[in-house]
Amino acid sequence: MSVADDIRQIIEDQFAPKSLDIVNDSEKHAGHAGANETGETHFHLTIVSERFTGLPPVARHRLVMTALKPLLDGPVHALALTTKTPAETQRS
């Protein structure tokens, strides 16, 4: 199973997202500190979930980072997040 698959499984299990987009940005960081030969170290996630309702962005990001901590302690070096509620996506 790939790191992206692991991320997807954790996010789907804990956030029941209405939508989830996972972009592997590792290629952009080849040769940088934290990059390794697996090619799965840097990701950008866009998550739309009801679980974020009523939470400020920092609290949303904390929830996601806590959920993904096992991966952040291992293969994932960097994670960029966009977190929205379904209502926020309808307004934009």
PDB file of N, CA and C in Angstrom:
ATOM      1  N   MET A   1       0.846  -1.175   0.000  1.00  0.00           N
ATOM      2  CA  MET A   1       0.000   0.000   0.000  1.00  0.00           C
ATOM      3  C   MET A   1       0.896   1.243   0.000  1.00  0.00           C
ATOM      4  N   SER A   2       0.542   2.230  -0.795  1.00  0.00           N
ATOM      5  CA  SER A   2       1.336   3.456  -0.878  1.00  0.00           C
ATOM      6  C   SER A   2       1.023   4.389   0.295  1.00  0.00           C
ATOM      7  N   VAL A   3       1.882   5.361   0.486  1.00  0.00           N
ATOM      8  CA  VAL A   3       1.655   6.362   1.531  1.00  0.00           C
ATOM      9  C   VAL A   3       0.359   7.121   1.241  1.00  0.00           C
ATOM     10  N   ALA A   4       0.128   7.466  -0.019  1.00  0.00           N
ATOM     11  CA  ALA A   4      -1.114   8.163  -0.386  1.00  0.00           C
ATOM     12  C   ALA A   4      -2.335   7.313  -0.039  1.00  0.00           C
ATOM     13  N   ASP A   5      -2.248   6.004  -0.243  1.00  0.00           N
ATOM     14  CA  ASP A   5      -3.351   5.107   0.125  1.00  0.00           C
ATOM     15  C   ASP A   5      -3.563   5.102   1.635  1.00  0.00           C
ATOM     16  N   ASP A   6      -2.468   5.107   2.385  1.00  0.00           N
ATOM     17  CA  ASP A   6      -2.570   5.163   3.850  1.00  0.00           C
ATOM     18  C   ASP A   6      -3.242   6.462   4.296  1.00  0.00           C
ATOM     19  N   ILE A   7      -2.849   7.574   3.682  1.00  0.00           N
ATOM     20  CA  ILE A   7      -3.462   8.871   3.998  1.00  0.00           C
ATOM     21  C   ILE A   7      -4.952   8.810   3.714  1.00  0.00           C
ATOM     22  N   ARG A   8      -5.314   8.324   2.526  1.00  0.00           N
ATOM     23  CA  ARG A   8      -6.729   8.238   2.140  1.00  0.00           C
ATOM     24  C   ARG A   8      -7.519   7.413   3.158  1.00  0.00           C
ATOM     25  N   GLN A   9      -6.989   6.264   3.551  1.00  0.00           N
ATOM     26  CA  GLN A   9      -7.689   5.388   4.492  1.00  0.00           C
ATOM     27  C   GLN A   9      -7.934   6.087   5.830  1.00  0.00           C
ATOM     28  N   ILE A  10      -6.912   6.733   6.358  1.00  0.00           N
ATOM     29  CA  ILE A  10      -7.041   7.420   7.646  1.00  0.00           C
ATOM     30  C   ILE A  10      -8.055   8.556   7.555  1.00  0.00           C
ATOM     31  N   ILE A  11      -7.957   9.379   6.525  1.00  0.00           N
ATOM     32  CA  ILE A  11      -8.872  10.518   6.385  1.00  0.00           C
ATOM     33  C   ILE A  11     -10.305  10.034   6.188  1.00  0.00           C
ATOM     34  N   GLU A  12     -10.494   9.020   5.356  1.00  0.00           N
ATOM     35  CA  GLU A  12     -11.852   8.503   5.144  1.00  0.00           C
ATOM     36  C   GLU A  12     -12.427   7.919   6.425  1.00  0.00           C
ATOM     37  N   ASP A  13     -11.618   7.200   7.185  1.00  0.00           N
ATOM     38  CA  ASP A  13     -12.088   6.594   8.434  1.00  0.00           C
ATOM     39  C   ASP A  13     -12.437   7.630   9.494  1.00  0.00           C
ATOM     40  N   GLN A  14     -11.634   8.682   9.609  1.00  0.00           N
ATOM     41  CA  GLN A  14     -11.811   9.624  10.713  1.00  0.00           C
ATOM     42  C   GLN A  14     -12.620  10.868  10.375  1.00  0.00           C
ATOM     43  N   PHE A  15     -12.740  11.200   9.083  1.00  0.00           N
ATOM     44  CA  PHE A  15     -13.405  12.451   8.723  1.00  0.00           C
ATOM     45  C   PHE A  15     -14.604  12.271   7.800  1.00  0.00           C
ATOM     46  N   ALA A  16     -14.843  11.069   7.288  1.00  0.00           N
ATOM     47  CA  ALA A  16     -15.953  10.815   6.362  1.00  0.00           C
ATOM     48  C   ALA A  16     -16.108  11.977   5.375  1.00  0.00           C
ATOM     49  N   PRO A  17     -15.065  12.271   4.617  1.00  0.00           N
ATOM     50  CA  PRO A  17     -15.097  13.468   3.770  1.00  0.00           C
ATOM     51  C   PRO A  17     -16.121  13.392   2.645  1.00  0.00           C
ATOM     52  N   LYS A  18     -16.719  14.548   2.348  1.00  0.00           N
ATOM     53  CA  LYS A  18     -17.589  14.676   1.171  1.00  0.00           C
ATOM     54  C   LYS A  18     -16.722  14.649  -0.075  1.00  0.00           C
ATOM     55  N   SER A  19     -15.503  15.189   0.048  1.00  0.00           N
ATOM     56  CA  SER A  19     -14.508  15.071  -1.020  1.00  0.00           C
ATOM     57  C   SER A  19     -13.121  15.090  -0.400  1.00  0.00           C
ATOM     58  N   LEU A  20     -12.209  14.429  -1.090  1.00  0.00           N
ATOM     59  CA  LEU A  20     -10.828  14.334  -0.630  1.00  0.00           C
ATOM     60  C   LEU A  20      -9.935  14.313  -1.854  1.00  0.00           C
ATOM     61  N   ASP A  21      -9.016  15.263  -1.912  1.00  0.00           N
ATOM     62  CA  ASP A  21      -8.051  15.328  -3.004  1.00  0.00           C
ATOM     63  C   ASP A  21      -6.656  15.232  -2.398  1.00  0.00           C
ATOM     64  N   ILE A  22      -5.891  14.268  -2.860  1.00  0.00           N
ATOM     65  CA  ILE A  22      -4.527  14.063  -2.378  1.00  0.00           C
ATOM     66  C   ILE A  22      -3.579  14.277  -3.547  1.00  0.00           C
ATOM     67  N   VAL A  23      -2.700  15.261  -3.404  1.00  0.00           N
ATOM     68  CA  VAL A  23      -1.712  15.553  -4.446  1.00  0.00           C
ATOM     69  C   VAL A  23      -0.329  15.258  -3.883  1.00  0.00           C
ATOM     70  N   ASN A  24       0.399  14.401  -4.572  1.00  0.00           N
ATOM     71  CA  ASN A  24       1.765  14.079  -4.177  1.00  0.00           C
ATOM     72  C   ASN A  24       2.684  15.127  -4.793  1.00  0.00           C
ATOM     73  N   ASP A  25       3.212  16.008  -3.964  1.00  0.00           N
ATOM     74  CA  ASP A  25       4.108  17.083  -4.406  1.00  0.00           C
ATOM     75  C   ASP A  25       5.582  16.714  -4.244  1.00  0.00           C
ATOM     76  N   SER A  26       5.873  15.475  -3.960  1.00  0.00           N
ATOM     77  CA  SER A  26       7.241  15.053  -3.654  1.00  0.00           C
ATOM     78  C   SER A  26       8.217  15.351  -4.783  1.00  0.00           C
ATOM     79  N   GLU A  27       7.772  15.210  -6.007  1.00  0.00           N
ATOM     80  CA  GLU A  27       8.640  15.446  -7.167  1.00  0.00           C
ATOM     81  C   GLU A  27       9.228  16.857  -7.156  1.00  0.00           C
ATOM     82  N   LYS A  28       8.449  17.816  -6.674  1.00  0.00           N
ATOM     83  CA  LYS A  28       8.901  19.211  -6.615  1.00  0.00           C
ATOM     84  C   LYS A  28      10.022  19.411  -5.591  1.00  0.00           C
ATOM     85  N   HIS A  29      10.189  18.440  -4.705  1.00  0.00           N
ATOM     86  CA  HIS A  29      11.132  18.585  -3.596  1.00  0.00           C
ATOM     87  C   HIS A  29      12.285  17.584  -3.657  1.00  0.00           C
ATOM     88  N   ALA A  30      12.456  16.940  -4.785  1.00  0.00           N
ATOM     89  CA  ALA A  30      13.552  15.971  -4.927  1.00  0.00           C
ATOM     90  C   ALA A  30      14.879  16.657  -4.614  1.00  0.00           C
ATOM     91  N   GLY A  31      15.678  16.018  -3.803  1.00  0.00           N
ATOM     92  CA  GLY A  31      16.976  16.572  -3.427  1.00  0.00           C
ATOM     93  C   GLY A  31      16.941  17.475  -2.214  1.00  0.00           C
ATOM     94  N   HIS A  32      15.754  17.842  -1.751  1.00  0.00           N
ATOM     95  CA  HIS A  32      15.630  18.687  -0.561  1.00  0.00           C
ATOM     96  C   HIS A  32      15.725  17.829   0.694  1.00  0.00           C
ATOM     97  N   ALA A  33      15.963  18.478   1.804  1.00  0.00           N
ATOM     98  CA  ALA A  33      15.958  17.777   3.090  1.00  0.00           C
ATOM     99  C   ALA A  33      14.588  17.152   3.305  1.00  0.00           C
ATOM    100  N   GLY A  34      14.560  15.942   3.774  1.00  0.00           N
ATOM    101  CA  GLY A  34      13.305  15.256   4.049  1.00  0.00           C
ATOM    102  C   GLY A  34      12.805  14.436   2.882  1.00  0.00           C
ATOM    103  N   ALA A  35      13.295  14.712   1.684  1.00  0.00           N
ATOM    104  CA  ALA A  35      12.893  13.918   0.520  1.00  0.00           C
ATOM    105  C   ALA A  35      13.668  12.609   0.551  1.00  0.00           C
ATOM    106  N   ASN A  36      13.020  11.536   0.128  1.00  0.00           N
ATOM    107  CA  ASN A  36      13.730  10.259   0.062  1.00  0.00           C
ATOM    108  C   ASN A  36      13.387   9.547  -1.233  1.00  0.00           C
ATOM    109  N   GLU A  37      13.947   8.386  -1.407  1.00  0.00           N
ATOM    110  CA  GLU A  37      13.805   7.670  -2.671  1.00  0.00           C
ATOM    111  C   GLU A  37      12.411   7.108  -2.919  1.00  0.00           C
ATOM    112  N   THR A  38      11.545   7.084  -1.917  1.00  0.00           N
ATOM    113  CA  THR A  38      10.205   6.533  -2.125  1.00  0.00           C
ATOM    114  C   THR A  38       9.350   7.429  -3.004  1.00  0.00           C
ATOM    115  N   GLY A  39       9.672   8.721  -3.035  1.00  0.00           N
ATOM    116  CA  GLY A  39       8.864   9.641  -3.823  1.00  0.00           C
ATOM    117  C   GLY A  39       7.522   9.951  -3.193  1.00  0.00           C
ATOM    118  N   GLU A  40       7.365   9.660  -1.912  1.00  0.00           N
ATOM    119  CA  GLU A  40       6.109   9.948  -1.218  1.00  0.00           C
ATOM    120  C   GLU A  40       6.405  10.609   0.124  1.00  0.00           C
ATOM    121  N   THR A  41       6.835  11.863   0.061  1.00  0.00           N
ATOM    122  CA  THR A  41       7.212  12.579   1.280  1.00  0.00           C
ATOM    123  C   THR A  41       6.473  13.895   1.465  1.00  0.00           C
ATOM    124  N   HIS A  42       5.998  14.497   0.386  1.00  0.00           N
ATOM    125  CA  HIS A  42       5.355  15.815   0.422  1.00  0.00           C
ATOM    126  C   HIS A  42       3.965  15.719  -0.221  1.00  0.00           C
ATOM    127  N   PHE A  43       2.941  16.124   0.532  1.00  0.00           N
ATOM    128  CA  PHE A  43       1.572  16.013   0.035  1.00  0.00           C
ATOM    129  C   PHE A  43       0.787  17.291   0.293  1.00  0.00           C
ATOM    130  N   HIS A  44      -0.192  17.526  -0.576  1.00  0.00           N
ATOM    131  CA  HIS A  44      -1.187  18.575  -0.352  1.00  0.00           C
ATOM    132  C   HIS A  44      -2.544  17.888  -0.320  1.00  0.00           C
ATOM    133  N   LEU A  45      -3.282  18.097   0.772  1.00  0.00           N
ATOM    134  CA  LEU A  45      -4.605  17.503   0.929  1.00  0.00           C
ATOM    135  C   LEU A  45      -5.659  18.589   0.911  1.00  0.00           C
ATOM    136  N   THR A  46      -6.730  18.340   0.182  1.00  0.00           N
ATOM    137  CA  THR A  46      -7.918  19.182   0.240  1.00  0.00           C
ATOM    138  C   THR A  46      -9.039  18.289   0.751  1.00  0.00           C
ATOM    139  N   ILE A  47      -9.561  18.646   1.920  1.00  0.00           N
ATOM    140  CA  ILE A  47     -10.560  17.820   2.594  1.00  0.00           C
ATOM    141  C   ILE A  47     -11.814  18.654   2.823  1.00  0.00           C
ATOM    142  N   VAL A  48     -12.954  18.116   2.405  1.00  0.00           N
ATOM    143  CA  VAL A  48     -14.246  18.740   2.685  1.00  0.00           C
ATOM    144  C   VAL A  48     -15.001  17.775   3.593  1.00  0.00           C
ATOM    145  N   SER A  49     -15.298  18.238   4.815  1.00  0.00           N
ATOM    146  CA  SER A  49     -15.929  17.362   5.799  1.00  0.00           C
ATOM    147  C   SER A  49     -16.824  18.156   6.746  1.00  0.00           C
ATOM    148  N   GLU A  50     -17.936  17.546   7.111  1.00  0.00           N
ATOM    149  CA  GLU A  50     -18.832  18.137   8.119  1.00  0.00           C
ATOM    150  C   GLU A  50     -18.124  18.247   9.468  1.00  0.00           C
ATOM    151  N   ARG A  51     -17.140  17.406   9.685  1.00  0.00           N
ATOM    152  CA  ARG A  51     -16.426  17.402  10.971  1.00  0.00           C
ATOM    153  C   ARG A  51     -15.758  18.743  11.260  1.00  0.00           C
ATOM    154  N   PHE A  52     -15.517  19.544  10.226  1.00  0.00           N
ATOM    155  CA  PHE A  52     -14.861  20.838  10.405  1.00  0.00           C
ATOM    156  C   PHE A  52     -15.841  21.960  10.764  1.00  0.00           C
ATOM    157  N   THR A  53     -17.126  21.672  10.749  1.00  0.00           N
ATOM    158  CA  THR A  53     -18.132  22.691  11.033  1.00  0.00           C
ATOM    159  C   THR A  53     -17.915  23.293  12.419  1.00  0.00           C
ATOM    160  N   GLY A  54     -17.865  24.622  12.467  1.00  0.00           N
ATOM    161  CA  GLY A  54     -17.706  25.336  13.725  1.00  0.00           C
ATOM    162  C   GLY A  54     -16.275  25.443  14.225  1.00  0.00           C
ATOM    163  N   LEU A  55     -15.337  24.877  13.490  1.00  0.00           N
ATOM    164  CA  LEU A  55     -13.936  24.917  13.919  1.00  0.00           C
ATOM    165  C   LEU A  55     -13.143  25.924  13.098  1.00  0.00           C
ATOM    166  N   PRO A  56     -12.266  26.680  13.750  1.00  0.00           N
ATOM    167  CA  PRO A  56     -11.379  27.571  12.995  1.00  0.00           C
ATOM    168  C   PRO A  56     -10.330  26.741  12.248  1.00  0.00           C
ATOM    169  N   PRO A  57      -9.688  27.344  11.254  1.00  0.00           N
ATOM    170  CA  PRO A  57      -8.697  26.599  10.457  1.00  0.00           C
ATOM    171  C   PRO A  57      -7.611  25.908  11.286  1.00  0.00           C
ATOM    172  N   VAL A  58      -7.110  26.562  12.310  1.00  0.00           N
ATOM    173  CA  VAL A  58      -6.039  25.954  13.114  1.00  0.00           C
ATOM    174  C   VAL A  58      -6.527  24.671  13.790  1.00  0.00           C
ATOM    175  N   ALA A  59      -7.737  24.675  14.312  1.00  0.00           N
ATOM    176  CA  ALA A  59      -8.286  23.480  14.965  1.00  0.00           C
ATOM    177  C   ALA A  59      -8.503  22.357  13.949  1.00  0.00           C
ATOM    178  N   ARG A  60      -8.932  22.708  12.763  1.00  0.00           N
ATOM    179  CA  ARG A  60      -9.116  21.711  11.699  1.00  0.00           C
ATOM    180  C   ARG A  60      -7.785  21.057  11.356  1.00  0.00           C
ATOM    181  N   HIS A  61      -6.771  21.894  11.199  1.00  0.00           N
ATOM    182  CA  HIS A  61      -5.450  21.378  10.841  1.00  0.00           C
ATOM    183  C   HIS A  61      -4.886  20.495  11.953  1.00  0.00           C
ATOM    184  N   ARG A  62      -5.129  20.878  13.195  1.00  0.00           N
ATOM    185  CA  ARG A  62      -4.671  20.050  14.321  1.00  0.00           C
ATOM    186  C   ARG A  62      -5.311  18.668  14.276  1.00  0.00           C
ATOM    187  N   LEU A  63      -6.612  18.630  13.986  1.00  0.00           N
ATOM    188  CA  LEU A  63      -7.308  17.342  13.894  1.00  0.00           C
ATOM    189  C   LEU A  63      -6.670  16.451  12.834  1.00  0.00           C
ATOM    190  N   VAL A  64      -6.416  17.032  11.672  1.00  0.00           N
ATOM    191  CA  VAL A  64      -5.840  16.256  10.570  1.00  0.00           C
ATOM    192  C   VAL A  64      -4.420  15.813  10.917  1.00  0.00           C
ATOM    193  N   MET A  65      -3.624  16.722  11.451  1.00  0.00           N
ATOM    194  CA  MET A  65      -2.242  16.387  11.803  1.00  0.00           C
ATOM    195  C   MET A  65      -2.194  15.296  12.880  1.00  0.00           C
ATOM    196  N   THR A  66      -3.095  15.365  13.834  1.00  0.00           N
ATOM    197  CA  THR A  66      -3.156  14.334  14.873  1.00  0.00           C
ATOM    198  C   THR A  66      -3.519  12.984  14.260  1.00  0.00           C
ATOM    199  N   ALA A  67      -4.489  12.978  13.363  1.00  0.00           N
ATOM    200  CA  ALA A  67      -4.900  11.732  12.708  1.00  0.00           C
ATOM    201  C   ALA A  67      -3.761  11.123  11.897  1.00  0.00           C
ATOM    202  N   LEU A  68      -2.966  11.973  11.270  1.00  0.00           N
ATOM    203  CA  LEU A  68      -1.885  11.499  10.397  1.00  0.00           C
ATOM    204  C   LEU A  68      -0.529  11.404  11.106  1.00  0.00           C
ATOM    205  N   LYS A  69      -0.512  11.598  12.421  1.00  0.00           N
ATOM    206  CA  LYS A  69       0.754  11.594  13.169  1.00  0.00           C
ATOM    207  C   LYS A  69       1.631  10.372  12.896  1.00  0.00           C
ATOM    208  N   PRO A  70       1.076   9.164  12.833  1.00  0.00           N
ATOM    209  CA  PRO A  70       1.957   8.020  12.550  1.00  0.00           C
ATOM    210  C   PRO A  70       2.711   8.158  11.221  1.00  0.00           C
ATOM    211  N   LEU A  71       2.090   8.766  10.236  1.00  0.00           N
ATOM    212  CA  LEU A  71       2.755   8.963   8.946  1.00  0.00           C
ATOM    213  C   LEU A  71       3.718  10.139   8.997  1.00  0.00           C
ATOM    214  N   LEU A  72       3.371  11.162   9.773  1.00  0.00           N
ATOM    215  CA  LEU A  72       4.256  12.318   9.913  1.00  0.00           C
ATOM    216  C   LEU A  72       5.511  11.957  10.710  1.00  0.00           C
ATOM    217  N   ASP A  73       5.399  10.970  11.574  1.00  0.00           N
ATOM    218  CA  ASP A  73       6.562  10.481  12.325  1.00  0.00           C
ATOM    219  C   ASP A  73       7.425   9.558  11.472  1.00  0.00           C
ATOM    220  N   GLY A  74       6.918   9.189  10.308  1.00  0.00           N
ATOM    221  CA  GLY A  74       7.632   8.255   9.440  1.00  0.00           C
ATOM    222  C   GLY A  74       7.883   8.826   8.068  1.00  0.00           C
ATOM    223  N   PRO A  75       7.169   8.320   7.064  1.00  0.00           N
ATOM    224  CA  PRO A  75       7.516   8.644   5.677  1.00  0.00           C
ATOM    225  C   PRO A  75       7.146  10.052   5.207  1.00  0.00           C
ATOM    226  N   VAL A  76       6.157  10.686   5.840  1.00  0.00           N
ATOM    227  CA  VAL A  76       5.703  11.995   5.352  1.00  0.00           C
ATOM    228  C   VAL A  76       6.524  13.102   6.006  1.00  0.00           C
ATOM    229  N   HIS A  77       7.151  13.918   5.174  1.00  0.00           N
ATOM    230  CA  HIS A  77       7.996  15.014   5.649  1.00  0.00           C
ATOM    231  C   HIS A  77       7.228  16.331   5.713  1.00  0.00           C
ATOM    232  N   ALA A  78       6.327  16.551   4.750  1.00  0.00           N
ATOM    233  CA  ALA A  78       5.613  17.830   4.683  1.00  0.00           C
ATOM    234  C   ALA A  78       4.180  17.601   4.226  1.00  0.00           C
ATOM    235  N   LEU A  79       3.281  18.389   4.817  1.00  0.00           N
ATOM    236  CA  LEU A  79       1.864  18.261   4.522  1.00  0.00           C
ATOM    237  C   LEU A  79       1.251  19.650   4.433  1.00  0.00           C
ATOM    238  N   ALA A  80       0.654  19.969   3.299  1.00  0.00           N
ATOM    239  CA  ALA A  80      -0.090  21.220   3.134  1.00  0.00           C
ATOM    240  C   ALA A  80      -1.573  20.858   3.172  1.00  0.00           C
ATOM    241  N   LEU A  81      -2.366  21.676   3.854  1.00  0.00           N
ATOM    242  CA  LEU A  81      -3.777  21.351   4.043  1.00  0.00           C
ATOM    243  C   LEU A  81      -4.695  22.475   3.594  1.00  0.00           C
ATOM    244  N   THR A  82      -5.774  22.083   2.945  1.00  0.00           N
ATOM    245  CA  THR A  82      -6.921  22.948   2.711  1.00  0.00           C
ATOM    246  C   THR A  82      -8.101  22.197   3.306  1.00  0.00           C
ATOM    247  N   THR A  83      -8.754  22.795   4.301  1.00  0.00           N
ATOM    248  CA  THR A  83      -9.852  22.126   5.002  1.00  0.00           C
ATOM    249  C   THR A  83     -11.092  23.005   4.936  1.00  0.00           C
ATOM    250  N   LYS A  84     -12.191  22.425   4.464  1.00  0.00           N
ATOM    251  CA  LYS A  84     -13.439  23.171   4.316  1.00  0.00           C
ATOM    252  C   LYS A  84     -14.620  22.324   4.751  1.00  0.00           C
ATOM    253  N   THR A  85     -15.707  23.015   5.071  1.00  0.00           N
ATOM    254  CA  THR A  85     -16.977  22.338   5.300  1.00  0.00           C
ATOM    255  C   THR A  85     -17.724  22.299   3.967  1.00  0.00           C
ATOM    256  N   PRO A  86     -18.716  21.426   3.830  1.00  0.00           N
ATOM    257  CA  PRO A  86     -19.507  21.427   2.601  1.00  0.00           C
ATOM    258  C   PRO A  86     -20.157  22.789   2.325  1.00  0.00           C
ATOM    259  N   ALA A  87     -20.605  23.472   3.375  1.00  0.00           N
ATOM    260  CA  ALA A  87     -21.220  24.794   3.196  1.00  0.00           C
ATOM    261  C   ALA A  87     -20.219  25.794   2.630  1.00  0.00           C
ATOM    262  N   GLU A  88     -18.973  25.714   3.056  1.00  0.00           N
ATOM    263  CA  GLU A  88     -17.944  26.632   2.552  1.00  0.00           C
ATOM    264  C   GLU A  88     -17.652  26.392   1.076  1.00  0.00           C
ATOM    265  N   THR A  89     -17.739  25.167   0.629  1.00  0.00           N
ATOM    266  CA  THR A  89     -17.485  24.899  -0.792  1.00  0.00           C
ATOM    267  C   THR A  89     -18.622  25.412  -1.658  1.00  0.00           C
ATOM    268  N   GLN A  90     -19.828  25.453  -1.123  1.00  0.00           N
ATOM    269  CA  GLN A  90     -20.975  25.965  -1.879  1.00  0.00           C
ATOM    270  C   GLN A  90     -20.904  27.475  -2.044  1.00  0.00           C
ATOM    271  N   ARG A  91     -20.268  28.160  -1.095  1.00  0.00           N
ATOM    272  CA  ARG A  91     -20.153  29.624  -1.160  1.00  0.00           C
ATOM    273  C   ARG A  91     -19.070  30.084  -2.118  1.00  0.00           C
ATOM    274  N   SER A  92     -18.096  29.223  -2.391  1.00  0.00           N
ATOM    275  CA  SER A  92     -16.978  29.664  -3.232  1.00  0.00           C
ATOM    276  C   SER A  92     -17.162  29.318  -4.687  1.00  0.00           C
TER     277      SER A  92
END
